């Protein structure tokens, strides 16, 4: 049995506000990653001597990749569903942030190697 489609914007909002909230919370996790990188800049600079331009390369690359692949990711969400992609994505993002703790301080050709 299918759910009836809303006829007005108010009906659509009353039925779909939870989707908007979940989307906003999910998207905020990307900003958590960018904010966390900023917190690591000072300690990584002191520990390894990395300059801020090197440390800023990671978030810049992540932002560029996000901008380029967002339309494709949106199509994948339409095909597979947001839950199947969002939950693993959150885990991967948090694991990537936590991996800063494993950095060794090696820089090769201007790129830091963890």
PDB file of N, CA and C in Angstrom:
ATOM      1  N   UNK A   1       0.837  -1.176   0.000  1.00  0.00           N
ATOM      2  CA  UNK A   1       0.000   0.000   0.000  1.00  0.00           C
ATOM      3  C   UNK A   1       0.882   1.241   0.000  1.00  0.00           C
ATOM      4  N   UNK A   2       0.653   2.148  -0.901  1.00  0.00           N
ATOM      5  CA  UNK A   2       1.470   3.352  -1.003  1.00  0.00           C
ATOM      6  C   UNK A   2       0.836   4.506  -0.236  1.00  0.00           C
ATOM      7  N   UNK A   3       1.706   5.392   0.215  1.00  0.00           N
ATOM      8  CA  UNK A   3       1.245   6.567   0.957  1.00  0.00           C
ATOM      9  C   UNK A   3       0.784   7.638  -0.037  1.00  0.00           C
ATOM     10  N   UNK A   4      -0.303   8.322   0.304  1.00  0.00           N
ATOM     11  CA  UNK A   4      -0.833   9.375  -0.569  1.00  0.00           C
ATOM     12  C   UNK A   4       0.153  10.533  -0.634  1.00  0.00           C
ATOM     13  N   UNK A   5       0.315  11.107  -1.802  1.00  0.00           N
ATOM     14  CA  UNK A   5       1.213  12.235  -1.992  1.00  0.00           C
ATOM     15  C   UNK A   5       0.538  13.500  -1.475  1.00  0.00           C
ATOM     16  N   UNK A   6       1.294  14.384  -0.810  1.00  0.00           N
ATOM     17  CA  UNK A   6       0.716  15.639  -0.324  1.00  0.00           C
ATOM     18  C   UNK A   6       0.331  16.541  -1.496  1.00  0.00           C
ATOM     19  N   UNK A   7      -0.708  17.336  -1.272  1.00  0.00           N
ATOM     20  CA  UNK A   7      -1.203  18.212  -2.326  1.00  0.00           C
ATOM     21  C   UNK A   7      -0.718  19.650  -2.183  1.00  0.00           C
ATOM     22  N   UNK A   8      -0.363  20.053  -0.980  1.00  0.00           N
ATOM     23  CA  UNK A   8       0.091  21.428  -0.770  1.00  0.00           C
ATOM     24  C   UNK A   8       1.484  21.413  -0.151  1.00  0.00           C
ATOM     25  N   UNK A   9       2.117  22.571  -0.171  1.00  0.00           N
ATOM     26  CA  UNK A   9       3.441  22.673   0.437  1.00  0.00           C
ATOM     27  C   UNK A   9       3.374  22.417   1.934  1.00  0.00           C
ATOM     28  N   UNK A  10       2.322  22.890   2.580  1.00  0.00           N
ATOM     29  CA  UNK A  10       2.174  22.676   4.026  1.00  0.00           C
ATOM     30  C   UNK A  10       2.043  21.191   4.343  1.00  0.00           C
ATOM     31  N   UNK A  11       1.282  20.462   3.537  1.00  0.00           N
ATOM     32  CA  UNK A  11       1.137  19.017   3.752  1.00  0.00           C
ATOM     33  C   UNK A  11       2.465  18.299   3.508  1.00  0.00           C
ATOM     34  N   UNK A  12       3.166  18.749   2.471  1.00  0.00           N
ATOM     35  CA  UNK A  12       4.461  18.136   2.177  1.00  0.00           C
ATOM     36  C   UNK A  12       5.436  18.368   3.329  1.00  0.00           C
ATOM     37  N   UNK A  13       5.462  19.594   3.853  1.00  0.00           N
ATOM     38  CA  UNK A  13       6.354  19.898   4.974  1.00  0.00           C
ATOM     39  C   UNK A  13       5.965  19.102   6.217  1.00  0.00           C
ATOM     40  N   UNK A  14       4.669  18.995   6.496  1.00  0.00           N
ATOM     41  CA  UNK A  14       4.247  18.269   7.698  1.00  0.00           C
ATOM     42  C   UNK A  14       4.583  16.785   7.609  1.00  0.00           C
ATOM     43  N   UNK A  15       4.621  16.238   6.404  1.00  0.00           N
ATOM     44  CA  UNK A  15       4.964  14.829   6.243  1.00  0.00           C
ATOM     45  C   UNK A  15       6.469  14.604   6.095  1.00  0.00           C
ATOM     46  N   UNK A  16       7.221  15.607   5.644  1.00  0.00           N
ATOM     47  CA  UNK A  16       8.619  15.383   5.318  1.00  0.00           C
ATOM     48  C   UNK A  16       9.633  16.157   6.136  1.00  0.00           C
ATOM     49  N   UNK A  17       9.221  16.813   7.216  1.00  0.00           N
ATOM     50  CA  UNK A  17      10.158  17.621   7.990  1.00  0.00           C
ATOM     51  C   UNK A  17      11.245  16.765   8.620  1.00  0.00           C
ATOM     52  N   UNK A  18      10.942  15.519   8.939  1.00  0.00           N
ATOM     53  CA  UNK A  18      11.968  14.661   9.543  1.00  0.00           C
ATOM     54  C   UNK A  18      13.088  14.363   8.547  1.00  0.00           C
ATOM     55  N   UNK A  19      12.755  14.264   7.274  1.00  0.00           N
ATOM     56  CA  UNK A  19      13.773  14.053   6.244  1.00  0.00           C
ATOM     57  C   UNK A  19      14.701  15.256   6.151  1.00  0.00           C
ATOM     58  N   UNK A  20      14.134  16.444   6.229  1.00  0.00           N
ATOM     59  CA  UNK A  20      14.939  17.666   6.188  1.00  0.00           C
ATOM     60  C   UNK A  20      15.863  17.720   7.399  1.00  0.00           C
ATOM     61  N   UNK A  21      15.349  17.398   8.572  1.00  0.00           N
ATOM     62  CA  UNK A  21      16.158  17.402   9.786  1.00  0.00           C
ATOM     63  C   UNK A  21      17.285  16.373   9.695  1.00  0.00           C
ATOM     64  N   UNK A  22      16.957  15.167   9.265  1.00  0.00           N
ATOM     65  CA  UNK A  22      17.975  14.122   9.138  1.00  0.00           C
ATOM     66  C   UNK A  22      19.044  14.512   8.122  1.00  0.00           C
ATOM     67  N   UNK A  23      18.644  15.151   7.037  1.00  0.00           N
ATOM     68  CA  UNK A  23      19.601  15.599   6.026  1.00  0.00           C
ATOM     69  C   UNK A  23      20.529  16.667   6.587  1.00  0.00           C
ATOM     70  N   UNK A  24      19.983  17.591   7.335  1.00  0.00           N
ATOM     71  CA  UNK A  24      20.797  18.653   7.923  1.00  0.00           C
ATOM     72  C   UNK A  24      21.809  18.085   8.915  1.00  0.00           C
ATOM     73  N   UNK A  25      21.366  17.147   9.741  1.00  0.00           N
ATOM     74  CA  UNK A  25      22.268  16.521  10.707  1.00  0.00           C
ATOM     75  C   UNK A  25      23.346  15.728   9.969  1.00  0.00           C
ATOM     76  N   UNK A  26      22.955  14.977   8.964  1.00  0.00           N
ATOM     77  CA  UNK A  26      23.921  14.192   8.204  1.00  0.00           C
ATOM     78  C   UNK A  26      24.953  15.055   7.513  1.00  0.00           C
ATOM     79  N   UNK A  27      24.525  16.135   6.908  1.00  0.00           N
ATOM     80  CA  UNK A  27      25.458  17.016   6.217  1.00  0.00           C
ATOM     81  C   UNK A  27      26.384  17.725   7.195  1.00  0.00           C
ATOM     82  N   UNK A  28      25.914  17.940   8.420  1.00  0.00           N
ATOM     83  CA  UNK A  28      26.749  18.619   9.404  1.00  0.00           C
ATOM     84  C   UNK A  28      27.984  17.806   9.767  1.00  0.00           C
ATOM     85  N   UNK A  29      27.945  16.489   9.554  1.00  0.00           N
ATOM     86  CA  UNK A  29      29.117  15.675   9.868  1.00  0.00           C
ATOM     87  C   UNK A  29      30.314  16.046   9.008  1.00  0.00           C
ATOM     88  N   UNK A  30      30.089  16.519   7.787  1.00  0.00           N
ATOM     89  CA  UNK A  30      31.195  16.960   6.947  1.00  0.00           C
ATOM     90  C   UNK A  30      31.859  18.189   7.557  1.00  0.00           C
ATOM     91  N   UNK A  31      31.050  19.090   8.101  1.00  0.00           N
ATOM     92  CA  UNK A  31      31.639  20.272   8.723  1.00  0.00           C
ATOM     93  C   UNK A  31      32.382  19.906   9.999  1.00  0.00           C
ATOM     94  N   UNK A  32      31.986  18.823  10.669  1.00  0.00           N
ATOM     95  CA  UNK A  32      32.723  18.357  11.845  1.00  0.00           C
ATOM     96  C   UNK A  32      34.140  17.970  11.435  1.00  0.00           C
ATOM     97  N   UNK A  33      34.274  17.287  10.304  1.00  0.00           N
ATOM     98  CA  UNK A  33      35.596  16.905   9.808  1.00  0.00           C
ATOM     99  C   UNK A  33      36.447  18.139   9.555  1.00  0.00           C
ATOM    100  N   UNK A  34      35.890  19.137   8.886  1.00  0.00           N
ATOM    101  CA  UNK A  34      36.660  20.344   8.588  1.00  0.00           C
ATOM    102  C   UNK A  34      37.046  21.089   9.862  1.00  0.00           C
ATOM    103  N   UNK A  35      36.157  21.138  10.819  1.00  0.00           N
ATOM    104  CA  UNK A  35      36.467  21.796  12.086  1.00  0.00           C
ATOM    105  C   UNK A  35      37.532  21.037  12.856  1.00  0.00           C
ATOM    106  N   UNK A  36      37.471  19.723  12.826  1.00  0.00           N
ATOM    107  CA  UNK A  36      38.452  18.913  13.543  1.00  0.00           C
ATOM    108  C   UNK A  36      39.848  19.105  12.968  1.00  0.00           C
ATOM    109  N   UNK A  37      39.954  19.256  11.663  1.00  0.00           N
ATOM    110  CA  UNK A  37      41.257  19.482  11.048  1.00  0.00           C
ATOM    111  C   UNK A  37      41.861  20.774  11.580  1.00  0.00           C
ATOM    112  N   UNK A  38      41.044  21.794  11.729  1.00  0.00           N
ATOM    113  CA  UNK A  38      41.534  23.055  12.285  1.00  0.00           C
ATOM    114  C   UNK A  38      42.071  22.893  13.699  1.00  0.00           C
ATOM    115  N   UNK A  39      41.447  22.035  14.480  1.00  0.00           N
ATOM    116  CA  UNK A  39      41.918  21.792  15.839  1.00  0.00           C
ATOM    117  C   UNK A  39      43.260  21.077  15.864  1.00  0.00           C
ATOM    118  N   UNK A  40      43.527  20.277  14.847  1.00  0.00           N
ATOM    119  CA  UNK A  40      44.780  19.530  14.799  1.00  0.00           C
ATOM    120  C   UNK A  40      45.952  20.346  14.252  1.00  0.00           C
ATOM    121  N   UNK A  41      45.686  21.479  13.617  1.00  0.00           N
ATOM    122  CA  UNK A  41      46.756  22.226  12.954  1.00  0.00           C
ATOM    123  C   UNK A  41      47.867  22.663  13.904  1.00  0.00           C
ATOM    124  N   UNK A  42      47.512  23.232  15.015  1.00  0.00           N
ATOM    125  CA  UNK A  42      48.527  23.689  15.973  1.00  0.00           C
ATOM    126  C   UNK A  42      49.386  22.549  16.501  1.00  0.00           C
ATOM    127  N   UNK A  43      48.767  21.487  17.031  1.00  0.00           N
ATOM    128  CA  UNK A  43      49.575  20.368  17.532  1.00  0.00           C
ATOM    129  C   UNK A  43      50.425  19.695  16.445  1.00  0.00           C
ATOM    130  N   UNK A  44      49.893  19.540  15.236  1.00  0.00           N
ATOM    131  CA  UNK A  44      50.679  18.921  14.168  1.00  0.00           C
ATOM    132  C   UNK A  44      51.834  19.818  13.740  1.00  0.00           C
ATOM    133  N   UNK A  45      51.609  21.129  13.750  1.00  0.00           N
ATOM    134  CA  UNK A  45      52.683  22.062  13.426  1.00  0.00           C
ATOM    135  C   UNK A  45      53.795  21.965  14.463  1.00  0.00           C
ATOM    136  N   UNK A  46      53.433  21.934  15.736  1.00  0.00           N
ATOM    137  CA  UNK A  46      54.439  21.841  16.804  1.00  0.00           C
ATOM    138  C   UNK A  46      55.165  20.499  16.782  1.00  0.00           C
ATOM    139  N   UNK A  47      54.416  19.424  16.566  1.00  0.00           N
ATOM    140  CA  UNK A  47      55.000  18.079  16.630  1.00  0.00           C
ATOM    141  C   UNK A  47      55.870  17.767  15.423  1.00  0.00           C
ATOM    142  N   UNK A  48      55.381  18.091  14.222  1.00  0.00           N
ATOM    143  CA  UNK A  48      56.064  17.666  13.008  1.00  0.00           C
ATOM    144  C   UNK A  48      56.644  18.814  12.186  1.00  0.00           C
ATOM    145  N   UNK A  49      56.290  20.055  12.528  1.00  0.00           N
ATOM    146  CA  UNK A  49      56.784  21.187  11.776  1.00  0.00           C
ATOM    147  C   UNK A  49      56.049  21.433  10.463  1.00  0.00           C
ATOM    148  N   UNK A  50      54.896  20.823  10.297  1.00  0.00           N
ATOM    149  CA  UNK A  50      54.127  21.008   9.068  1.00  0.00           C
ATOM    150  C   UNK A  50      53.545  22.419   9.054  1.00  0.00           C
ATOM    151  N   UNK A  51      53.611  23.082   7.908  1.00  0.00           N
ATOM    152  CA  UNK A  51      53.032  24.417   7.819  1.00  0.00           C
ATOM    153  C   UNK A  51      51.530  24.331   7.534  1.00  0.00           C
ATOM    154  N   UNK A  52      50.873  25.466   7.683  1.00  0.00           N
ATOM    155  CA  UNK A  52      49.413  25.481   7.556  1.00  0.00           C
ATOM    156  C   UNK A  52      48.942  25.211   6.123  1.00  0.00           C
ATOM    157  N   UNK A  53      49.762  25.553   5.139  1.00  0.00           N
ATOM    158  CA  UNK A  53      49.352  25.269   3.760  1.00  0.00           C
ATOM    159  C   UNK A  53      49.310  23.769   3.507  1.00  0.00           C
ATOM    160  N   UNK A  54      50.263  23.028   4.045  1.00  0.00           N
ATOM    161  CA  UNK A  54      50.258  21.574   3.922  1.00  0.00           C
ATOM    162  C   UNK A  54      49.059  20.990   4.663  1.00  0.00           C
ATOM    163  N   UNK A  55      48.810  21.489   5.858  1.00  0.00           N
ATOM    164  CA  UNK A  55      47.703  20.977   6.659  1.00  0.00           C
ATOM    165  C   UNK A  55      46.341  21.338   6.063  1.00  0.00           C
ATOM    166  N   UNK A  56      46.283  22.447   5.341  1.00  0.00           N
ATOM    167  CA  UNK A  56      45.020  22.865   4.726  1.00  0.00           C
ATOM    168  C   UNK A  56      44.725  22.126   3.429  1.00  0.00           C
ATOM    169  N   UNK A  57      45.706  21.423   2.895  1.00  0.00           N
ATOM    170  CA  UNK A  57      45.502  20.713   1.633  1.00  0.00           C
ATOM    171  C   UNK A  57      44.429  19.637   1.765  1.00  0.00           C
ATOM    172  N   UNK A  58      44.399  18.941   2.890  1.00  0.00           N
ATOM    173  CA  UNK A  58      43.406  17.877   3.089  1.00  0.00           C
ATOM    174  C   UNK A  58      41.974  18.378   3.015  1.00  0.00           C
ATOM    175  N   UNK A  59      41.611  19.376   3.811  1.00  0.00           N
ATOM    176  CA  UNK A  59      40.255  19.908   3.710  1.00  0.00           C
ATOM    177  C   UNK A  59      39.950  20.502   2.337  1.00  0.00           C
ATOM    178  N   UNK A  60      40.945  21.118   1.697  1.00  0.00           N
ATOM    179  CA  UNK A  60      40.717  21.683   0.366  1.00  0.00           C
ATOM    180  C   UNK A  60      40.403  20.572  -0.642  1.00  0.00           C
ATOM    181  N   UNK A  61      41.139  19.483  -0.573  1.00  0.00           N
ATOM    182  CA  UNK A  61      40.884  18.345  -1.462  1.00  0.00           C
ATOM    183  C   UNK A  61      39.515  17.751  -1.167  1.00  0.00           C
ATOM    184  N   UNK A  62      39.184  17.586   0.120  1.00  0.00           N
ATOM    185  CA  UNK A  62      37.880  17.023   0.500  1.00  0.00           C
ATOM    186  C   UNK A  62      36.737  17.889  -0.003  1.00  0.00           C
ATOM    187  N   UNK A  63      36.887  19.201   0.098  1.00  0.00           N
ATOM    188  CA  UNK A  63      35.850  20.107  -0.380  1.00  0.00           C
ATOM    189  C   UNK A  63      35.703  20.020  -1.896  1.00  0.00           C
ATOM    190  N   UNK A  64      36.819  19.968  -2.603  1.00  0.00           N
ATOM    191  CA  UNK A  64      36.772  19.848  -4.058  1.00  0.00           C
ATOM    192  C   UNK A  64      36.134  18.547  -4.519  1.00  0.00           C
ATOM    193  N   UNK A  65      36.509  17.452  -3.876  1.00  0.00           N
ATOM    194  CA  UNK A  65      35.930  16.149  -4.224  1.00  0.00           C
ATOM    195  C   UNK A  65      34.432  16.155  -3.943  1.00  0.00           C
ATOM    196  N   UNK A  66      34.041  16.743  -2.828  1.00  0.00           N
ATOM    197  CA  UNK A  66      32.619  16.822  -2.494  1.00  0.00           C
ATOM    198  C   UNK A  66      31.860  17.610  -3.555  1.00  0.00           C
ATOM    199  N   UNK A  67      32.412  18.740  -3.967  1.00  0.00           N
ATOM    200  CA  UNK A  67      31.744  19.561  -4.983  1.00  0.00           C
ATOM    201  C   UNK A  67      31.624  18.818  -6.311  1.00  0.00           C
ATOM    202  N   UNK A  68      32.658  18.081  -6.690  1.00  0.00           N
ATOM    203  CA  UNK A  68      32.639  17.369  -7.968  1.00  0.00           C
ATOM    204  C   UNK A  68      31.713  16.152  -7.977  1.00  0.00           C
ATOM    205  N   UNK A  69      31.702  15.429  -6.869  1.00  0.00           N
ATOM    206  CA  UNK A  69      30.974  14.164  -6.855  1.00  0.00           C
ATOM    207  C   UNK A  69      29.591  14.222  -6.220  1.00  0.00           C
ATOM    208  N   UNK A  70      29.176  15.371  -5.706  1.00  0.00           N
ATOM    209  CA  UNK A  70      27.850  15.473  -5.084  1.00  0.00           C
ATOM    210  C   UNK A  70      26.707  15.076  -6.018  1.00  0.00           C
ATOM    211  N   UNK A  71      26.715  15.486  -7.283  1.00  0.00           N
ATOM    212  CA  UNK A  71      25.607  15.045  -8.154  1.00  0.00           C
ATOM    213  C   UNK A  71      25.554  13.522  -8.320  1.00  0.00           C
ATOM    214  N   UNK A  72      26.713  12.888  -8.428  1.00  0.00           N
ATOM    215  CA  UNK A  72      26.750  11.438  -8.577  1.00  0.00           C
ATOM    216  C   UNK A  72      26.324  10.736  -7.291  1.00  0.00           C
ATOM    217  N   UNK A  73      26.748  11.312  -6.162  1.00  0.00           N
ATOM    218  CA  UNK A  73      26.355  10.765  -4.871  1.00  0.00           C
ATOM    219  C   UNK A  73      24.847  10.904  -4.681  1.00  0.00           C
ATOM    220  N   UNK A  74      24.286  12.019  -5.133  1.00  0.00           N
ATOM    221  CA  UNK A  74      22.838  12.211  -5.061  1.00  0.00           C
ATOM    222  C   UNK A  74      22.095  11.161  -5.869  1.00  0.00           C
ATOM    223  N   UNK A  75      22.604  10.851  -7.068  1.00  0.00           N
ATOM    224  CA  UNK A  75      21.986   9.807  -7.889  1.00  0.00           C
ATOM    225  C   UNK A  75      22.094   8.449  -7.209  1.00  0.00           C
ATOM    226  N   UNK A  76      23.230   8.207  -6.551  1.00  0.00           N
ATOM    227  CA  UNK A  76      23.405   6.947  -5.823  1.00  0.00           C
ATOM    228  C   UNK A  76      22.442   6.861  -4.637  1.00  0.00           C
ATOM    229  N   UNK A  77      22.215   7.983  -3.977  1.00  0.00           N
ATOM    230  CA  UNK A  77      21.240   8.021  -2.879  1.00  0.00           C
ATOM    231  C   UNK A  77      19.848   7.694  -3.409  1.00  0.00           C
ATOM    232  N   UNK A  78      19.502   8.263  -4.567  1.00  0.00           N
ATOM    233  CA  UNK A  78      18.197   7.966  -5.162  1.00  0.00           C
ATOM    234  C   UNK A  78      18.059   6.486  -5.468  1.00  0.00           C
ATOM    235  N   UNK A  79      19.137   5.865  -5.894  1.00  0.00           N
ATOM    236  CA  UNK A  79      19.089   4.458  -6.275  1.00  0.00           C
ATOM    237  C   UNK A  79      19.119   3.517  -5.062  1.00  0.00           C
ATOM    238  N   UNK A  80      20.013   3.780  -4.087  1.00  0.00           N
ATOM    239  CA  UNK A  80      20.213   2.857  -2.975  1.00  0.00           C
ATOM    240  C   UNK A  80      19.522   3.269  -1.685  1.00  0.00           C
ATOM    241  N   UNK A  81      19.177   4.534  -1.568  1.00  0.00           N
ATOM    242  CA  UNK A  81      18.573   5.030  -0.336  1.00  0.00           C
ATOM    243  C   UNK A  81      19.604   5.705   0.541  1.00  0.00           C
ATOM    244  N   UNK A  82      19.174   6.736   1.228  1.00  0.00           N
ATOM    245  CA  UNK A  82      20.108   7.531   2.022  1.00  0.00           C
ATOM    246  C   UNK A  82      20.677   6.773   3.212  1.00  0.00           C
ATOM    247  N   UNK A  83      19.888   5.948   3.844  1.00  0.00           N
ATOM    248  CA  UNK A  83      20.363   5.240   5.033  1.00  0.00           C
ATOM    249  C   UNK A  83      21.514   4.304   4.698  1.00  0.00           C
ATOM    250  N   UNK A  84      21.433   3.611   3.572  1.00  0.00           N
ATOM    251  CA  UNK A  84      22.502   2.684   3.190  1.00  0.00           C
ATOM    252  C   UNK A  84      23.831   3.387   2.951  1.00  0.00           C
ATOM    253  N   UNK A  85      23.789   4.645   2.576  1.00  0.00           N
ATOM    254  CA  UNK A  85      25.018   5.385   2.304  1.00  0.00           C
ATOM    255  C   UNK A  85      25.438   6.287   3.459  1.00  0.00           C
ATOM    256  N   UNK A  86      24.482   6.847   4.181  1.00  0.00           N
ATOM    257  CA  UNK A  86      24.816   7.807   5.230  1.00  0.00           C
ATOM    258  C   UNK A  86      25.486   7.152   6.433  1.00  0.00           C
ATOM    259  N   UNK A  87      24.964   6.058   6.891  1.00  0.00           N
ATOM    260  CA  UNK A  87      25.524   5.437   8.099  1.00  0.00           C
ATOM    261  C   UNK A  87      26.971   4.980   7.899  1.00  0.00           C
ATOM    262  N   UNK A  88      27.301   4.276   6.814  1.00  0.00           N
ATOM    263  CA  UNK A  88      28.720   3.960   6.599  1.00  0.00           C
ATOM    264  C   UNK A  88      29.565   5.212   6.371  1.00  0.00           C
ATOM    265  N   UNK A  89      28.996   6.220   5.721  1.00  0.00           N
ATOM    266  CA  UNK A  89      29.730   7.459   5.489  1.00  0.00           C
ATOM    267  C   UNK A  89      30.107   8.164   6.779  1.00  0.00           C
ATOM    268  N   UNK A  90      29.219   8.152   7.746  1.00  0.00           N
ATOM    269  CA  UNK A  90      29.514   8.763   9.049  1.00  0.00           C
ATOM    270  C   UNK A  90      30.662   8.025   9.718  1.00  0.00           C
ATOM    271  N   UNK A  91      30.619   6.709   9.686  1.00  0.00           N
ATOM    272  CA  UNK A  91      31.674   5.899  10.306  1.00  0.00           C
ATOM    273  C   UNK A  91      33.016   6.163   9.620  1.00  0.00           C
ATOM    274  N   UNK A  92      33.025   6.206   8.295  1.00  0.00           N
ATOM    275  CA  UNK A  92      34.261   6.451   7.548  1.00  0.00           C
ATOM    276  C   UNK A  92      34.812   7.841   7.847  1.00  0.00           C
ATOM    277  N   UNK A  93      33.947   8.839   7.926  1.00  0.00           N
ATOM    278  CA  UNK A  93      34.387  10.205   8.218  1.00  0.00           C
ATOM    279  C   UNK A  93      35.009  10.297   9.604  1.00  0.00           C
ATOM    280  N   UNK A  94      34.359   9.710  10.582  1.00  0.00           N
ATOM    281  CA  UNK A  94      34.894   9.755  11.947  1.00  0.00           C
ATOM    282  C   UNK A  94      36.193   8.954  12.061  1.00  0.00           C
ATOM    283  N   UNK A  95      36.283   7.821  11.358  1.00  0.00           N
ATOM    284  CA  UNK A  95      37.523   7.039  11.361  1.00  0.00           C
ATOM    285  C   UNK A  95      38.651   7.829  10.711  1.00  0.00           C
ATOM    286  N   UNK A  96      38.357   8.518   9.622  1.00  0.00           N
ATOM    287  CA  UNK A  96      39.372   9.348   8.972  1.00  0.00           C
ATOM    288  C   UNK A  96      39.873  10.453   9.875  1.00  0.00           C
ATOM    289  N   UNK A  97      38.979  11.050  10.621  1.00  0.00           N
ATOM    290  CA  UNK A  97      39.370  12.098  11.563  1.00  0.00           C
ATOM    291  C   UNK A  97      40.237  11.515  12.676  1.00  0.00           C
ATOM    292  N   UNK A  98      39.855  10.353  13.169  1.00  0.00           N
ATOM    293  CA  UNK A  98      40.614   9.713  14.247  1.00  0.00           C
ATOM    294  C   UNK A  98      42.005   9.274  13.791  1.00  0.00           C
ATOM    295  N   UNK A  99      42.179   9.045  12.495  1.00  0.00           N
ATOM    296  CA  UNK A  99      43.480   8.599  11.986  1.00  0.00           C
ATOM    297  C   UNK A  99      44.564   9.664  12.109  1.00  0.00           C
ATOM    298  N   UNK A 100      44.185  10.904  12.371  1.00  0.00           N
ATOM    299  CA  UNK A 100      45.203  11.913  12.616  1.00  0.00           C
ATOM    300  C   UNK A 100      46.093  11.511  13.787  1.00  0.00           C
ATOM    301  N   UNK A 101      45.561  10.727  14.697  1.00  0.00           N
ATOM    302  CA  UNK A 101      46.353  10.253  15.833  1.00  0.00           C
ATOM    303  C   UNK A 101      47.460   9.300  15.427  1.00  0.00           C
ATOM    304  N   UNK A 102      47.417   8.774  14.213  1.00  0.00           N
ATOM    305  CA  UNK A 102      48.424   7.830  13.734  1.00  0.00           C
ATOM    306  C   UNK A 102      49.487   8.495  12.857  1.00  0.00           C
ATOM    307  N   UNK A 103      49.440   9.806  12.712  1.00  0.00           N
ATOM    308  CA  UNK A 103      50.382  10.508  11.829  1.00  0.00           C
ATOM    309  C   UNK A 103      51.816  10.324  12.317  1.00  0.00           C
ATOM    310  N   UNK A 104      52.717  10.036  11.384  1.00  0.00           N
ATOM    311  CA  UNK A 104      54.133   9.815  11.700  1.00  0.00           C
ATOM    312  C   UNK A 104      54.993  11.044  11.479  1.00  0.00           C
ATOM    313  N   UNK A 105      54.482  12.010  10.725  1.00  0.00           N
ATOM    314  CA  UNK A 105      55.240  13.230  10.501  1.00  0.00           C
ATOM    315  C   UNK A 105      56.093  13.209   9.263  1.00  0.00           C
ATOM    316  N   UNK A 106      55.920  12.244   8.378  1.00  0.00           N
ATOM    317  CA  UNK A 106      56.715  12.156   7.160  1.00  0.00           C
ATOM    318  C   UNK A 106      56.039  12.972   6.065  1.00  0.00           C
ATOM    319  N   UNK A 107      56.805  13.813   5.382  1.00  0.00           N
ATOM    320  CA  UNK A 107      56.284  14.596   4.268  1.00  0.00           C
ATOM    321  C   UNK A 107      57.062  14.200   3.013  1.00  0.00           C
ATOM    322  N   UNK A 108      56.328  13.761   1.975  1.00  0.00           N
ATOM    323  CA  UNK A 108      56.949  13.371   0.706  1.00  0.00           C
ATOM    324  C   UNK A 108      56.360  14.248  -0.397  1.00  0.00           C
ATOM    325  N   UNK A 109      57.209  14.979  -1.080  1.00  0.00           N
ATOM    326  CA  UNK A 109      56.788  15.862  -2.186  1.00  0.00           C
ATOM    327  C   UNK A 109      55.661  16.785  -1.766  1.00  0.00           C
ATOM    328  N   UNK A 110      55.748  17.342  -0.563  1.00  0.00           N
ATOM    329  CA  UNK A 110      54.749  18.293  -0.095  1.00  0.00           C
ATOM    330  C   UNK A 110      53.493  17.664   0.458  1.00  0.00           C
ATOM    331  N   UNK A 111      53.434  16.327   0.521  1.00  0.00           N
ATOM    332  CA  UNK A 111      52.246  15.639   1.022  1.00  0.00           C
ATOM    333  C   UNK A 111      52.607  14.881   2.294  1.00  0.00           C
ATOM    334  N   UNK A 112      51.831  15.092   3.344  1.00  0.00           N
ATOM    335  CA  UNK A 112      52.071  14.394   4.606  1.00  0.00           C
ATOM    336  C   UNK A 112      51.628  12.947   4.491  1.00  0.00           C
ATOM    337  N   UNK A 113      52.407  12.052   5.049  1.00  0.00           N
ATOM    338  CA  UNK A 113      52.063  10.628   5.072  1.00  0.00           C
ATOM    339  C   UNK A 113      51.804  10.241   6.518  1.00  0.00           C
ATOM    340  N   UNK A 114      50.639   9.689   6.751  1.00  0.00           N
ATOM    341  CA  UNK A 114      50.288   9.292   8.112  1.00  0.00           C
ATOM    342  C   UNK A 114      50.929   7.964   8.458  1.00  0.00           C
TER     343      UNK A 114
END
